[in-house]
Amino acid sequence: MIISEEDSKKIKIIAQNNFHQALSQFDSGKWNFSNGYLNLKILMNGKTDDEKEYIWVSAESLKDNLISGKVNVYPVIVKANYGDNISLNVNDICDWIIANKEGETIKGGFTDKILNRQPSKIRL
């Protein structure tokens, strides 16, 4: 999916402004998995400045402004693999989704909303 730079900026602003909803799901720095899953979209750089790719990360823990999680997609451009551990700053988040155990979006998913698409099931 190709997203314009304007839409990408709009999505990130909305996601950042609403991230308190996702942060409220952390209990003592650990994600409350009984509520489902928190997936975070970040933009990573590839080998050159022109190569960038959005990837999704499943959040596991939060300390200060750093979230630890695992890559839950198969990146094509960036040097990351499915299942890799990754730490990211909350300011790097471009979108987020809280999904139930069936993979249905229950909060977040601003990319789909901005692009006027129905949220789809996500791979967990």
PDB file of N, CA and C in Angstrom:
ATOM      1  N   MET A   1       0.839  -1.166   0.000  1.00  0.00           N
ATOM      2  CA  MET A   1       0.000   0.000   0.000  1.00  0.00           C
ATOM      3  C   MET A   1       0.891   1.238   0.000  1.00  0.00           C
ATOM      4  N   ILE A   2       0.635   2.140  -0.906  1.00  0.00           N
ATOM      5  CA  ILE A   2       1.386   3.390  -0.984  1.00  0.00           C
ATOM      6  C   ILE A   2       0.559   4.480  -0.302  1.00  0.00           C
ATOM      7  N   ILE A   3       1.188   5.180   0.631  1.00  0.00           N
ATOM      8  CA  ILE A   3       0.529   6.241   1.381  1.00  0.00           C
ATOM      9  C   ILE A   3       1.246   7.539   1.070  1.00  0.00           C
ATOM     10  N   SER A   4       0.489   8.570   0.734  1.00  0.00           N
ATOM     11  CA  SER A   4       1.110   9.856   0.431  1.00  0.00           C
ATOM     12  C   SER A   4       1.791  10.406   1.682  1.00  0.00           C
ATOM     13  N   GLU A   5       2.762  11.285   1.465  1.00  0.00           N
ATOM     14  CA  GLU A   5       3.468  11.899   2.585  1.00  0.00           C
ATOM     15  C   GLU A   5       2.506  12.705   3.455  1.00  0.00           C
ATOM     16  N   GLU A   6       1.553  13.369   2.809  1.00  0.00           N
ATOM     17  CA  GLU A   6       0.555  14.159   3.551  1.00  0.00           C
ATOM     18  C   GLU A   6      -0.298  13.256   4.442  1.00  0.00           C
ATOM     19  N   ASP A   7      -0.803  12.140   3.885  1.00  0.00           N
ATOM     20  CA  ASP A   7      -1.596  11.209   4.683  1.00  0.00           C
ATOM     21  C   ASP A   7      -0.758  10.581   5.788  1.00  0.00           C
ATOM     22  N   SER A   8       0.490  10.269   5.482  1.00  0.00           N
ATOM     23  CA  SER A   8       1.378   9.665   6.464  1.00  0.00           C
ATOM     24  C   SER A   8       1.570  10.590   7.671  1.00  0.00           C
ATOM     25  N   LYS A   9       1.766  11.873   7.409  1.00  0.00           N
ATOM     26  CA  LYS A   9       1.929  12.855   8.495  1.00  0.00           C
ATOM     27  C   LYS A   9       0.640  12.980   9.303  1.00  0.00           C
ATOM     28  N   LYS A  10      -0.487  12.999   8.615  1.00  0.00           N
ATOM     29  CA  LYS A  10      -1.788  13.124   9.268  1.00  0.00           C
ATOM     30  C   LYS A  10      -2.041  11.917  10.183  1.00  0.00           C
ATOM     31  N   ILE A  11      -1.749  10.729   9.682  1.00  0.00           N
ATOM     32  CA  ILE A  11      -1.944   9.504  10.453  1.00  0.00           C
ATOM     33  C   ILE A  11      -1.078   9.518  11.708  1.00  0.00           C
ATOM     34  N   LYS A  12       0.189   9.921  11.564  1.00  0.00           N
ATOM     35  CA  LYS A  12       1.102   9.937  12.718  1.00  0.00           C
ATOM     36  C   LYS A  12       0.616  10.923  13.772  1.00  0.00           C
ATOM     37  N   ILE A  13       0.152  12.095  13.368  1.00  0.00           N
ATOM     38  CA  ILE A  13      -0.342  13.085  14.328  1.00  0.00           C
ATOM     39  C   ILE A  13      -1.539  12.532  15.097  1.00  0.00           C
ATOM     40  N   ILE A  14      -2.482  11.943  14.383  1.00  0.00           N
ATOM     41  CA  ILE A  14      -3.680  11.386  15.032  1.00  0.00           C
ATOM     42  C   ILE A  14      -3.284  10.231  15.958  1.00  0.00           C
ATOM     43  N   ALA A  15      -2.399   9.362  15.492  1.00  0.00           N
ATOM     44  CA  ALA A  15      -1.969   8.219  16.302  1.00  0.00           C
ATOM     45  C   ALA A  15      -1.271   8.692  17.572  1.00  0.00           C
ATOM     46  N   GLN A  16      -0.385   9.682  17.441  1.00  0.00           N
ATOM     47  CA  GLN A  16       0.329  10.201  18.607  1.00  0.00           C
ATOM     48  C   GLN A  16      -0.628  10.880  19.583  1.00  0.00           C
ATOM     49  N   ASN A  17      -1.586  11.643  19.055  1.00  0.00           N
ATOM     50  CA  ASN A  17      -2.535  12.356  19.911  1.00  0.00           C
ATOM     51  C   ASN A  17      -3.468  11.410  20.667  1.00  0.00           C
ATOM     52  N   ASN A  18      -3.638  10.208  20.176  1.00  0.00           N
ATOM     53  CA  ASN A  18      -4.539   9.245  20.807  1.00  0.00           C
ATOM     54  C   ASN A  18      -3.812   8.084  21.481  1.00  0.00           C
ATOM     55  N   PHE A  19      -2.488   8.163  21.539  1.00  0.00           N
ATOM     56  CA  PHE A  19      -1.716   7.035  22.067  1.00  0.00           C
ATOM     57  C   PHE A  19      -1.959   6.805  23.562  1.00  0.00           C
ATOM     58  N   HIS A  20      -2.482   7.798  24.267  1.00  0.00           N
ATOM     59  CA  HIS A  20      -2.794   7.604  25.686  1.00  0.00           C
ATOM     60  C   HIS A  20      -3.777   6.445  25.884  1.00  0.00           C
ATOM     61  N   GLN A  21      -4.629   6.195  24.887  1.00  0.00           N
ATOM     62  CA  GLN A  21      -5.559   5.062  24.972  1.00  0.00           C
ATOM     63  C   GLN A  21      -4.799   3.739  25.022  1.00  0.00           C
ATOM     64  N   ALA A  22      -3.751   3.641  24.237  1.00  0.00           N
ATOM     65  CA  ALA A  22      -2.944   2.423  24.234  1.00  0.00           C
ATOM     66  C   ALA A  22      -2.107   2.330  25.503  1.00  0.00           C
ATOM     67  N   LEU A  23      -1.537   3.454  25.931  1.00  0.00           N
ATOM     68  CA  LEU A  23      -0.699   3.436  27.126  1.00  0.00           C
ATOM     69  C   LEU A  23      -1.487   3.045  28.365  1.00  0.00           C
ATOM     70  N   SER A  24      -2.768   3.336  28.378  1.00  0.00           N
ATOM     71  CA  SER A  24      -3.584   2.992  29.538  1.00  0.00           C
ATOM     72  C   SER A  24      -3.742   1.482  29.692  1.00  0.00           C
ATOM     73  N   GLN A  25      -3.377   0.718  28.680  1.00  0.00           N
ATOM     74  CA  GLN A  25      -3.501  -0.735  28.725  1.00  0.00           C
ATOM     75  C   GLN A  25      -2.273  -1.415  29.341  1.00  0.00           C
ATOM     76  N   PHE A  26      -1.241  -0.623  29.661  1.00  0.00           N
ATOM     77  CA  PHE A  26      -0.058  -1.182  30.302  1.00  0.00           C
ATOM     78  C   PHE A  26      -0.269  -1.195  31.807  1.00  0.00           C
ATOM     79  N   ASP A  27       0.131  -2.273  32.446  1.00  0.00           N
ATOM     80  CA  ASP A  27       0.020  -2.408  33.891  1.00  0.00           C
ATOM     81  C   ASP A  27       1.416  -2.649  34.446  1.00  0.00           C
ATOM     82  N   SER A  28       1.942  -1.684  35.189  1.00  0.00           N
ATOM     83  CA  SER A  28       3.297  -1.768  35.754  1.00  0.00           C
ATOM     84  C   SER A  28       4.329  -2.065  34.681  1.00  0.00           C
ATOM     85  N   GLY A  29       4.172  -1.443  33.507  1.00  0.00           N
ATOM     86  CA  GLY A  29       5.148  -1.590  32.439  1.00  0.00           C
ATOM     87  C   GLY A  29       4.970  -2.809  31.559  1.00  0.00           C
ATOM     88  N   LYS A  30       4.017  -3.679  31.871  1.00  0.00           N
ATOM     89  CA  LYS A  30       3.788  -4.878  31.060  1.00  0.00           C
ATOM     90  C   LYS A  30       2.454  -4.754  30.349  1.00  0.00           C
ATOM     91  N   TRP A  31       2.424  -5.213  29.113  1.00  0.00           N
ATOM     92  CA  TRP A  31       1.182  -5.198  28.351  1.00  0.00           C
ATOM     93  C   TRP A  31       0.236  -6.231  28.947  1.00  0.00           C
ATOM     94  N   ASN A  32      -1.018  -5.854  29.131  1.00  0.00           N
ATOM     95  CA  ASN A  32      -2.029  -6.748  29.673  1.00  0.00           C
ATOM     96  C   ASN A  32      -2.594  -7.594  28.532  1.00  0.00           C
ATOM     97  N   PHE A  33      -2.029  -8.777  28.316  1.00  0.00           N
ATOM     98  CA  PHE A  33      -2.398  -9.604  27.180  1.00  0.00           C
ATOM     99  C   PHE A  33      -3.818 -10.135  27.257  1.00  0.00           C
ATOM    100  N   SER A  34      -4.449 -10.083  28.430  1.00  0.00           N
ATOM    101  CA  SER A  34      -5.833 -10.547  28.507  1.00  0.00           C
ATOM    102  C   SER A  34      -6.749  -9.646  27.686  1.00  0.00           C
ATOM    103  N   ASN A  35      -6.294  -8.420  27.398  1.00  0.00           N
ATOM    104  CA  ASN A  35      -7.090  -7.485  26.599  1.00  0.00           C
ATOM    105  C   ASN A  35      -6.900  -7.679  25.101  1.00  0.00           C
ATOM    106  N   GLY A  36      -5.939  -8.471  24.701  1.00  0.00           N
ATOM    107  CA  GLY A  36      -5.657  -8.660  23.282  1.00  0.00           C
ATOM    108  C   GLY A  36      -4.220  -8.283  22.984  1.00  0.00           C
ATOM    109  N   TYR A  37      -4.002  -7.575  21.891  1.00  0.00           N
ATOM    110  CA  TYR A  37      -2.653  -7.274  21.428  1.00  0.00           C
ATOM    111  C   TYR A  37      -2.537  -5.805  21.068  1.00  0.00           C
ATOM    112  N   LEU A  38      -1.365  -5.243  21.305  1.00  0.00           N
ATOM    113  CA  LEU A  38      -1.054  -3.889  20.874  1.00  0.00           C
ATOM    114  C   LEU A  38       0.011  -3.997  19.798  1.00  0.00           C
ATOM    115  N   ASN A  39      -0.331  -3.551  18.598  1.00  0.00           N
ATOM    116  CA  ASN A  39       0.610  -3.558  17.487  1.00  0.00           C
ATOM    117  C   ASN A  39       0.939  -2.120  17.128  1.00  0.00           C
ATOM    118  N   LEU A  40       2.215  -1.851  16.930  1.00  0.00           N
ATOM    119  CA  LEU A  40       2.705  -0.510  16.672  1.00  0.00           C
ATOM    120  C   LEU A  40       3.327  -0.446  15.290  1.00  0.00           C
ATOM    121  N   LYS A  41       2.980   0.577  14.515  1.00  0.00           N
ATOM    122  CA  LYS A  41       3.579   0.758  13.198  1.00  0.00           C
ATOM    123  C   LYS A  41       4.672   1.808  13.313  1.00  0.00           C
ATOM    124  N   ILE A  42       5.864   1.474  12.846  1.00  0.00           N
ATOM    125  CA  ILE A  42       6.970   2.421  12.829  1.00  0.00           C
ATOM    126  C   ILE A  42       7.573   2.454  11.431  1.00  0.00           C
ATOM    127  N   LEU A  43       8.272   3.533  11.125  1.00  0.00           N
ATOM    128  CA  LEU A  43       8.963   3.675   9.844  1.00  0.00           C
ATOM    129  C   LEU A  43      10.437   3.448  10.101  1.00  0.00           C
ATOM    130  N   MET A  44      11.009   2.454   9.428  1.00  0.00           N
ATOM    131  CA  MET A  44      12.435   2.158   9.595  1.00  0.00           C
ATOM    132  C   MET A  44      13.186   2.480   8.318  1.00  0.00           C
ATOM    133  N   ASN A  45      14.443   2.863   8.488  1.00  0.00           N
ATOM    134  CA  ASN A  45      15.310   3.148   7.354  1.00  0.00           C
ATOM    135  C   ASN A  45      15.937   1.862   6.832  1.00  0.00           C
ATOM    136  N   GLY A  46      16.118   1.828   5.506  1.00  0.00           N
ATOM    137  CA  GLY A  46      16.795   0.714   4.871  1.00  0.00           C
ATOM    138  C   GLY A  46      18.277   1.010   4.734  1.00  0.00           C
ATOM    139  N   LYS A  47      18.880   0.484   3.681  1.00  0.00           N
ATOM    140  CA  LYS A  47      20.317   0.648   3.460  1.00  0.00           C
ATOM    141  C   LYS A  47      20.675   2.075   3.072  1.00  0.00           C
ATOM    142  N   THR A  48      19.763   2.767   2.401  1.00  0.00           N
ATOM    143  CA  THR A  48      20.020   4.154   1.997  1.00  0.00           C
ATOM    144  C   THR A  48      18.917   5.044   2.564  1.00  0.00           C
ATOM    145  N   ASP A  49      19.134   6.346   2.504  1.00  0.00           N
ATOM    146  CA  ASP A  49      18.135   7.290   3.012  1.00  0.00           C
ATOM    147  C   ASP A  49      16.828   7.207   2.235  1.00  0.00           C
ATOM    148  N   ASP A  50      16.898   6.767   0.973  1.00  0.00           N
ATOM    149  CA  ASP A  50      15.694   6.677   0.144  1.00  0.00           C
ATOM    150  C   ASP A  50      14.868   5.426   0.449  1.00  0.00           C
ATOM    151  N   GLU A  51      15.476   4.463   1.114  1.00  0.00           N
ATOM    152  CA  GLU A  51      14.777   3.207   1.396  1.00  0.00           C
ATOM    153  C   GLU A  51      14.176   3.262   2.795  1.00  0.00           C
ATOM    154  N   LYS A  52      12.869   3.229   2.852  1.00  0.00           N
ATOM    155  CA  LYS A  52      12.153   3.221   4.124  1.00  0.00           C
ATOM    156  C   LYS A  52      11.024   2.213   4.032  1.00  0.00           C
ATOM    157  N   GLU A  53      10.659   1.662   5.172  1.00  0.00           N
ATOM    158  CA  GLU A  53       9.587   0.672   5.186  1.00  0.00           C
ATOM    159  C   GLU A  53       8.839   0.758   6.514  1.00  0.00           C
ATOM    160  N   TYR A  54       7.521   0.704   6.422  1.00  0.00           N
ATOM    161  CA  TYR A  54       6.704   0.612   7.619  1.00  0.00           C
ATOM    162  C   TYR A  54       6.694  -0.834   8.070  1.00  0.00           C
ATOM    163  N   ILE A  55       6.918  -1.050   9.360  1.00  0.00           N
ATOM    164  CA  ILE A  55       6.795  -2.399   9.904  1.00  0.00           C
ATOM    165  C   ILE A  55       5.895  -2.337  11.138  1.00  0.00           C
ATOM    166  N   TRP A  56       5.351  -3.476  11.496  1.00  0.00           N
ATOM    167  CA  TRP A  56       4.504  -3.589  12.686  1.00  0.00           C
ATOM    168  C   TRP A  56       5.249  -4.358  13.754  1.00  0.00           C
ATOM    169  N   VAL A  57       5.096  -3.893  14.994  1.00  0.00           N
ATOM    170  CA  VAL A  57       5.760  -4.488  16.150  1.00  0.00           C
ATOM    171  C   VAL A  57       4.702  -4.812  17.194  1.00  0.00           C
ATOM    172  N   SER A  58       4.727  -6.014  17.747  1.00  0.00           N
ATOM    173  CA  SER A  58       3.835  -6.381  18.847  1.00  0.00           C
ATOM    174  C   SER A  58       4.480  -5.935  20.152  1.00  0.00           C
ATOM    175  N   ALA A  59       3.807  -5.038  20.865  1.00  0.00           N
ATOM    176  CA  ALA A  59       4.344  -4.498  22.114  1.00  0.00           C
ATOM    177  C   ALA A  59       4.325  -5.547  23.211  1.00  0.00           C
ATOM    178  N   GLU A  60       5.379  -5.540  24.034  1.00  0.00           N
ATOM    179  CA  GLU A  60       5.449  -6.463  25.161  1.00  0.00           C
ATOM    180  C   GLU A  60       5.615  -5.737  26.486  1.00  0.00           C
ATOM    181  N   SER A  61       6.453  -4.692  26.509  1.00  0.00           N
ATOM    182  CA  SER A  61       6.670  -3.980  27.760  1.00  0.00           C
ATOM    183  C   SER A  61       6.975  -2.513  27.496  1.00  0.00           C
ATOM    184  N   LEU A  62       6.819  -1.713  28.531  1.00  0.00           N
ATOM    185  CA  LEU A  62       7.031  -0.269  28.455  1.00  0.00           C
ATOM    186  C   LEU A  62       7.848   0.169  29.655  1.00  0.00           C
ATOM    187  N   LYS A  63       8.911   0.921  29.417  1.00  0.00           N
ATOM    188  CA  LYS A  63       9.709   1.514  30.489  1.00  0.00           C
ATOM    189  C   LYS A  63      10.084   2.912  30.046  1.00  0.00           C
ATOM    190  N   ASP A  64       9.684   3.897  30.854  1.00  0.00           N
ATOM    191  CA  ASP A  64       9.845   5.298  30.491  1.00  0.00           C
ATOM    192  C   ASP A  64       9.136   5.513  29.156  1.00  0.00           C
ATOM    193  N   ASN A  65       9.836   5.959  28.136  1.00  0.00           N
ATOM    194  CA  ASN A  65       9.211   6.150  26.820  1.00  0.00           C
ATOM    195  C   ASN A  65       9.652   5.093  25.815  1.00  0.00           C
ATOM    196  N   LEU A  66      10.233   4.000  26.302  1.00  0.00           N
ATOM    197  CA  LEU A  66      10.698   2.938  25.412  1.00  0.00           C
ATOM    198  C   LEU A  66       9.770   1.729  25.488  1.00  0.00           C
ATOM    199  N   ILE A  67       9.380   1.254  24.339  1.00  0.00           N
ATOM    200  CA  ILE A  67       8.539   0.064  24.242  1.00  0.00           C
ATOM    201  C   ILE A  67       9.371  -1.051  23.632  1.00  0.00           C
ATOM    202  N   SER A  68       9.329  -2.202  24.251  1.00  0.00           N
ATOM    203  CA  SER A  68       9.995  -3.392  23.721  1.00  0.00           C
ATOM    204  C   SER A  68       8.937  -4.303  23.121  1.00  0.00           C
ATOM    205  N   GLY A  69       9.298  -4.934  22.025  1.00  0.00           N
ATOM    206  CA  GLY A  69       8.364  -5.832  21.380  1.00  0.00           C
ATOM    207  C   GLY A  69       9.048  -6.689  20.336  1.00  0.00           C
ATOM    208  N   LYS A  70       8.238  -7.338  19.525  1.00  0.00           N
ATOM    209  CA  LYS A  70       8.751  -8.217  18.468  1.00  0.00           C
ATOM    210  C   LYS A  70       8.175  -7.803  17.119  1.00  0.00           C
ATOM    211  N   VAL A  71       9.021  -7.844  16.106  1.00  0.00           N
ATOM    212  CA  VAL A  71       8.589  -7.569  14.739  1.00  0.00           C
ATOM    213  C   VAL A  71       7.578  -8.633  14.352  1.00  0.00           C
ATOM    214  N   ASN A  72       6.392  -8.221  13.861  1.00  0.00           N
ATOM    215  CA  ASN A  72       5.371  -9.213  13.521  1.00  0.00           C
ATOM    216  C   ASN A  72       4.963  -9.168  12.050  1.00  0.00           C
ATOM    217  N   VAL A  73       5.887  -8.730  11.208  1.00  0.00           N
ATOM    218  CA  VAL A  73       5.722  -8.786   9.751  1.00  0.00           C
ATOM    219  C   VAL A  73       7.031  -9.306   9.161  1.00  0.00           C
ATOM    220  N   TYR A  74       7.011  -9.568   7.869  1.00  0.00           N
ATOM    221  CA  TYR A  74       8.223  -9.993   7.165  1.00  0.00           C
ATOM    222  C   TYR A  74       8.729  -8.819   6.343  1.00  0.00           C
ATOM    223  N   PRO A  75       9.642  -8.001   6.911  1.00  0.00           N
ATOM    224  CA  PRO A  75      10.129  -6.821   6.186  1.00  0.00           C
ATOM    225  C   PRO A  75      10.843  -7.207   4.893  1.00  0.00           C
ATOM    226  N   VAL A  76      10.729  -6.320   3.915  1.00  0.00           N
ATOM    227  CA  VAL A  76      11.350  -6.541   2.614  1.00  0.00           C
ATOM    228  C   VAL A  76      12.612  -5.699   2.472  1.00  0.00           C
ATOM    229  N   ILE A  77      12.566  -4.461   2.951  1.00  0.00           N
ATOM    230  CA  ILE A  77      13.658  -3.512   2.733  1.00  0.00           C
ATOM    231  C   ILE A  77      14.602  -3.413   3.928  1.00  0.00           C
ATOM    232  N   VAL A  78      14.068  -3.300   5.120  1.00  0.00           N
ATOM    233  CA  VAL A  78      14.891  -3.041   6.300  1.00  0.00           C
ATOM    234  C   VAL A  78      15.516  -4.317   6.841  1.00  0.00           C
ATOM    235  N   LYS A  79      16.579  -4.119   7.614  1.00  0.00           N
ATOM    236  CA  LYS A  79      17.277  -5.262   8.197  1.00  0.00           C
ATOM    237  C   LYS A  79      16.599  -5.639   9.507  1.00  0.00           C
ATOM    238  N   ALA A  80      15.516  -6.336   9.394  1.00  0.00           N
ATOM    239  CA  ALA A  80      14.792  -6.876  10.538  1.00  0.00           C
ATOM    240  C   ALA A  80      14.080  -8.122  10.046  1.00  0.00           C
ATOM    241  N   ASN A  81      13.886  -9.046  10.940  1.00  0.00           N
ATOM    242  CA  ASN A  81      13.223 -10.292  10.598  1.00  0.00           C
ATOM    243  C   ASN A  81      12.009 -10.501  11.480  1.00  0.00           C
ATOM    244  N   TYR A  82      11.064 -11.253  10.993  1.00  0.00           N
ATOM    245  CA  TYR A  82       9.896 -11.617  11.784  1.00  0.00           C
ATOM    246  C   TYR A  82      10.372 -12.225  13.100  1.00  0.00           C
ATOM    247  N   GLY A  83       9.836 -11.731  14.209  1.00  0.00           N
ATOM    248  CA  GLY A  83      10.183 -12.262  15.524  1.00  0.00           C
ATOM    249  C   GLY A  83      11.358 -11.594  16.200  1.00  0.00           C
ATOM    250  N   ASP A  84      12.075 -10.713  15.494  1.00  0.00           N
ATOM    251  CA  ASP A  84      13.197 -10.001  16.116  1.00  0.00           C
ATOM    252  C   ASP A  84      12.709  -9.136  17.267  1.00  0.00           C
ATOM    253  N   ASN A  85      13.496  -9.086  18.338  1.00  0.00           N
ATOM    254  CA  ASN A  85      13.227  -8.161  19.427  1.00  0.00           C
ATOM    255  C   ASN A  85      13.625  -6.768  18.988  1.00  0.00           C
ATOM    256  N   ILE A  86      12.827  -5.787  19.381  1.00  0.00           N
ATOM    257  CA  ILE A  86      13.101  -4.413  18.976  1.00  0.00           C
ATOM    258  C   ILE A  86      12.637  -3.481  20.093  1.00  0.00           C
ATOM    259  N   SER A  87      13.358  -2.385  20.280  1.00  0.00           N
ATOM    260  CA  SER A  87      12.947  -1.335  21.210  1.00  0.00           C
ATOM    261  C   SER A  87      12.716  -0.074  20.414  1.00  0.00           C
ATOM    262  N   LEU A  88      11.678   0.661  20.767  1.00  0.00           N
ATOM    263  CA  LEU A  88      11.385   1.887  20.049  1.00  0.00           C
ATOM    264  C   LEU A  88      10.853   2.930  21.010  1.00  0.00           C
ATOM    265  N   ASN A  89      11.067   4.174  20.648  1.00  0.00           N
ATOM    266  CA  ASN A  89      10.567   5.296  21.424  1.00  0.00           C
ATOM    267  C   ASN A  89       9.116   5.541  21.040  1.00  0.00           C
ATOM    268  N   VAL A  90       8.288   5.922  22.000  1.00  0.00           N
ATOM    269  CA  VAL A  90       6.882   6.155  21.688  1.00  0.00           C
ATOM    270  C   VAL A  90       6.715   7.240  20.627  1.00  0.00           C
ATOM    271  N   ASN A  91       7.681   8.148  20.505  1.00  0.00           N
ATOM    272  CA  ASN A  91       7.605   9.203  19.488  1.00  0.00           C
ATOM    273  C   ASN A  91       7.810   8.679  18.068  1.00  0.00           C
ATOM    274  N   ASP A  92       8.311   7.442  17.934  1.00  0.00           N
ATOM    275  CA  ASP A  92       8.538   6.841  16.617  1.00  0.00           C
ATOM    276  C   ASP A  92       7.294   6.162  16.060  1.00  0.00           C
ATOM    277  N   ILE A  93       6.265   6.039  16.864  1.00  0.00           N
ATOM    278  CA  ILE A  93       5.065   5.307  16.453  1.00  0.00           C
ATOM    279  C   ILE A  93       4.276   6.116  15.424  1.00  0.00           C
ATOM    280  N   CYS A  94       3.980   5.480  14.293  1.00  0.00           N
ATOM    281  CA  CYS A  94       3.231   6.118  13.208  1.00  0.00           C
ATOM    282  C   CYS A  94       1.762   5.726  13.229  1.00  0.00           C
ATOM    283  N   ASP A  95       1.436   4.605  13.835  1.00  0.00           N
ATOM    284  CA  ASP A  95       0.062   4.141  13.972  1.00  0.00           C
ATOM    285  C   ASP A  95       0.086   3.039  15.010  1.00  0.00           C
ATOM    286  N   TRP A  96      -1.061   2.707  15.536  1.00  0.00           N
ATOM    287  CA  TRP A  96      -1.155   1.615  16.497  1.00  0.00           C
ATOM    288  C   TRP A  96      -2.535   1.001  16.406  1.00  0.00           C
ATOM    289  N   ILE A  97      -2.580  -0.260  16.800  1.00  0.00           N
ATOM    290  CA  ILE A  97      -3.837  -1.011  16.792  1.00  0.00           C
ATOM    291  C   ILE A  97      -3.891  -1.845  18.066  1.00  0.00           C
ATOM    292  N   ILE A  98      -4.999  -1.755  18.758  1.00  0.00           N
ATOM    293  CA  ILE A  98      -5.296  -2.725  19.805  1.00  0.00           C
ATOM    294  C   ILE A  98      -6.281  -3.691  19.170  1.00  0.00           C
ATOM    295  N   ALA A  99      -5.892  -4.951  19.150  1.00  0.00           N
ATOM    296  CA  ALA A  99      -6.719  -5.982  18.514  1.00  0.00           C
ATOM    297  C   ALA A  99      -7.118  -7.023  19.546  1.00  0.00           C
ATOM    298  N   ASN A 100      -8.289  -7.596  19.345  1.00  0.00           N
ATOM    299  CA  ASN A 100      -8.685  -8.685  20.230  1.00  0.00           C
ATOM    300  C   ASN A 100      -7.957  -9.957  19.803  1.00  0.00           C
ATOM    301  N   LYS A 101      -8.180 -11.027  20.508  1.00  0.00           N
ATOM    302  CA  LYS A 101      -7.442 -12.262  20.227  1.00  0.00           C
ATOM    303  C   LYS A 101      -7.779 -12.867  18.873  1.00  0.00           C
ATOM    304  N   GLU A 102      -8.881 -12.430  18.271  1.00  0.00           N
ATOM    305  CA  GLU A 102      -9.248 -12.889  16.926  1.00  0.00           C
ATOM    306  C   GLU A 102      -8.595 -12.019  15.852  1.00  0.00           C
ATOM    307  N   GLY A 103      -7.863 -10.979  16.255  1.00  0.00           N
ATOM    308  CA  GLY A 103      -7.179 -10.110  15.307  1.00  0.00           C
ATOM    309  C   GLY A 103      -8.022  -8.966  14.792  1.00  0.00           C
ATOM    310  N   GLU A 104      -9.175  -8.734  15.382  1.00  0.00           N
ATOM    311  CA  GLU A 104     -10.040  -7.633  14.944  1.00  0.00           C
ATOM    312  C   GLU A 104      -9.663  -6.352  15.680  1.00  0.00           C
ATOM    313  N   THR A 105      -9.543  -5.267  14.945  1.00  0.00           N
ATOM    314  CA  THR A 105      -9.185  -3.979  15.529  1.00  0.00           C
ATOM    315  C   THR A 105     -10.305  -3.491  16.438  1.00  0.00           C
ATOM    316  N   ILE A 106      -9.941  -3.149  17.683  1.00  0.00           N
ATOM    317  CA  ILE A 106     -10.933  -2.589  18.588  1.00  0.00           C
ATOM    318  C   ILE A 106     -10.635  -1.131  18.931  1.00  0.00           C
ATOM    319  N   LYS A 107      -9.378  -0.699  18.780  1.00  0.00           N
ATOM    320  CA  LYS A 107      -8.998   0.707  18.952  1.00  0.00           C
ATOM    321  C   LYS A 107      -7.816   0.996  18.037  1.00  0.00           C
ATOM    322  N   GLY A 108      -7.693   2.250  17.646  1.00  0.00           N
ATOM    323  CA  GLY A 108      -6.575   2.642  16.792  1.00  0.00           C
ATOM    324  C   GLY A 108      -6.854   2.331  15.337  1.00  0.00           C
ATOM    325  N   GLY A 109      -5.797   2.000  14.604  1.00  0.00           N
ATOM    326  CA  GLY A 109      -5.946   1.684  13.180  1.00  0.00           C
ATOM    327  C   GLY A 109      -6.242   2.906  12.346  1.00  0.00           C
ATOM    328  N   PHE A 110      -5.483   3.975  12.575  1.00  0.00           N
ATOM    329  CA  PHE A 110      -5.774   5.250  11.920  1.00  0.00           C
ATOM    330  C   PHE A 110      -5.426   5.262  10.433  1.00  0.00           C
ATOM    331  N   THR A 111      -4.514   4.399  10.003  1.00  0.00           N
ATOM    332  CA  THR A 111      -4.195   4.311   8.580  1.00  0.00           C
ATOM    333  C   THR A 111      -5.445   3.926   7.801  1.00  0.00           C
ATOM    334  N   ASP A 112      -6.122   2.873   8.252  1.00  0.00           N
ATOM    335  CA  ASP A 112      -7.352   2.441   7.582  1.00  0.00           C
ATOM    336  C   ASP A 112      -8.418   3.522   7.632  1.00  0.00           C
ATOM    337  N   LYS A 113      -8.534   4.187   8.779  1.00  0.00           N
ATOM    338  CA  LYS A 113      -9.564   5.221   8.924  1.00  0.00           C
ATOM    339  C   LYS A 113      -9.305   6.415   8.017  1.00  0.00           C
ATOM    340  N   ILE A 114      -8.059   6.852   7.938  1.00  0.00           N
ATOM    341  CA  ILE A 114      -7.716   7.997   7.099  1.00  0.00           C
ATOM    342  C   ILE A 114      -7.922   7.664   5.625  1.00  0.00           C
ATOM    343  N   LEU A 115      -7.598   6.452   5.247  1.00  0.00           N
ATOM    344  CA  LEU A 115      -7.722   6.054   3.849  1.00  0.00           C
ATOM    345  C   LEU A 115      -9.118   5.532   3.523  1.00  0.00           C
ATOM    346  N   ASN A 116     -10.050   5.747   4.469  1.00  0.00           N
ATOM    347  CA  ASN A 116     -11.456   5.350   4.289  1.00  0.00           C
ATOM    348  C   ASN A 116     -11.615   3.875   3.965  1.00  0.00           C
ATOM    349  N   ARG A 117     -10.850   3.075   4.680  1.00  0.00           N
ATOM    350  CA  ARG A 117     -10.958   1.636   4.509  1.00  0.00           C
ATOM    351  C   ARG A 117     -11.489   1.041   5.787  1.00  0.00           C
ATOM    352  N   GLN A 118     -12.127  -0.088   5.676  1.00  0.00           N
ATOM    353  CA  GLN A 118     -12.566  -0.814   6.860  1.00  0.00           C
ATOM    354  C   GLN A 118     -11.354  -1.502   7.464  1.00  0.00           C
ATOM    355  N   PRO A 119     -11.199  -1.433   8.796  1.00  0.00           N
ATOM    356  CA  PRO A 119     -10.078  -2.144   9.406  1.00  0.00           C
ATOM    357  C   PRO A 119     -10.149  -3.626   9.064  1.00  0.00           C
ATOM    358  N   SER A 120      -9.007  -4.160   8.750  1.00  0.00           N
ATOM    359  CA  SER A 120      -8.960  -5.573   8.383  1.00  0.00           C
ATOM    360  C   SER A 120      -8.347  -6.369   9.541  1.00  0.00           C
ATOM    361  N   LYS A 121      -8.456  -7.673   9.447  1.00  0.00           N
ATOM    362  CA  LYS A 121      -7.809  -8.504  10.457  1.00  0.00           C
ATOM    363  C   LYS A 121      -6.309  -8.388  10.281  1.00  0.00           C
ATOM    364  N   ILE A 122      -5.606  -8.399  11.406  1.00  0.00           N
ATOM    365  CA  ILE A 122      -4.164  -8.321  11.355  1.00  0.00           C
ATOM    366  C   ILE A 122      -3.578  -9.655  11.757  1.00  0.00           C
ATOM    367  N   ARG A 123      -2.405  -9.958  11.265  1.00  0.00           N
ATOM    368  CA  ARG A 123      -1.725 -11.196  11.629  1.00  0.00           C
ATOM    369  C   ARG A 123      -1.100 -11.006  13.001  1.00  0.00           C
ATOM    370  N   LEU A 124      -1.343 -11.931  13.892  1.00  0.00           N
ATOM    371  CA  LEU A 124      -0.796 -11.838  15.251  1.00  0.00           C
ATOM    372  C   LEU A 124       0.320 -12.807  15.444  1.00  0.00           C
TER     373      LEU A 124
END
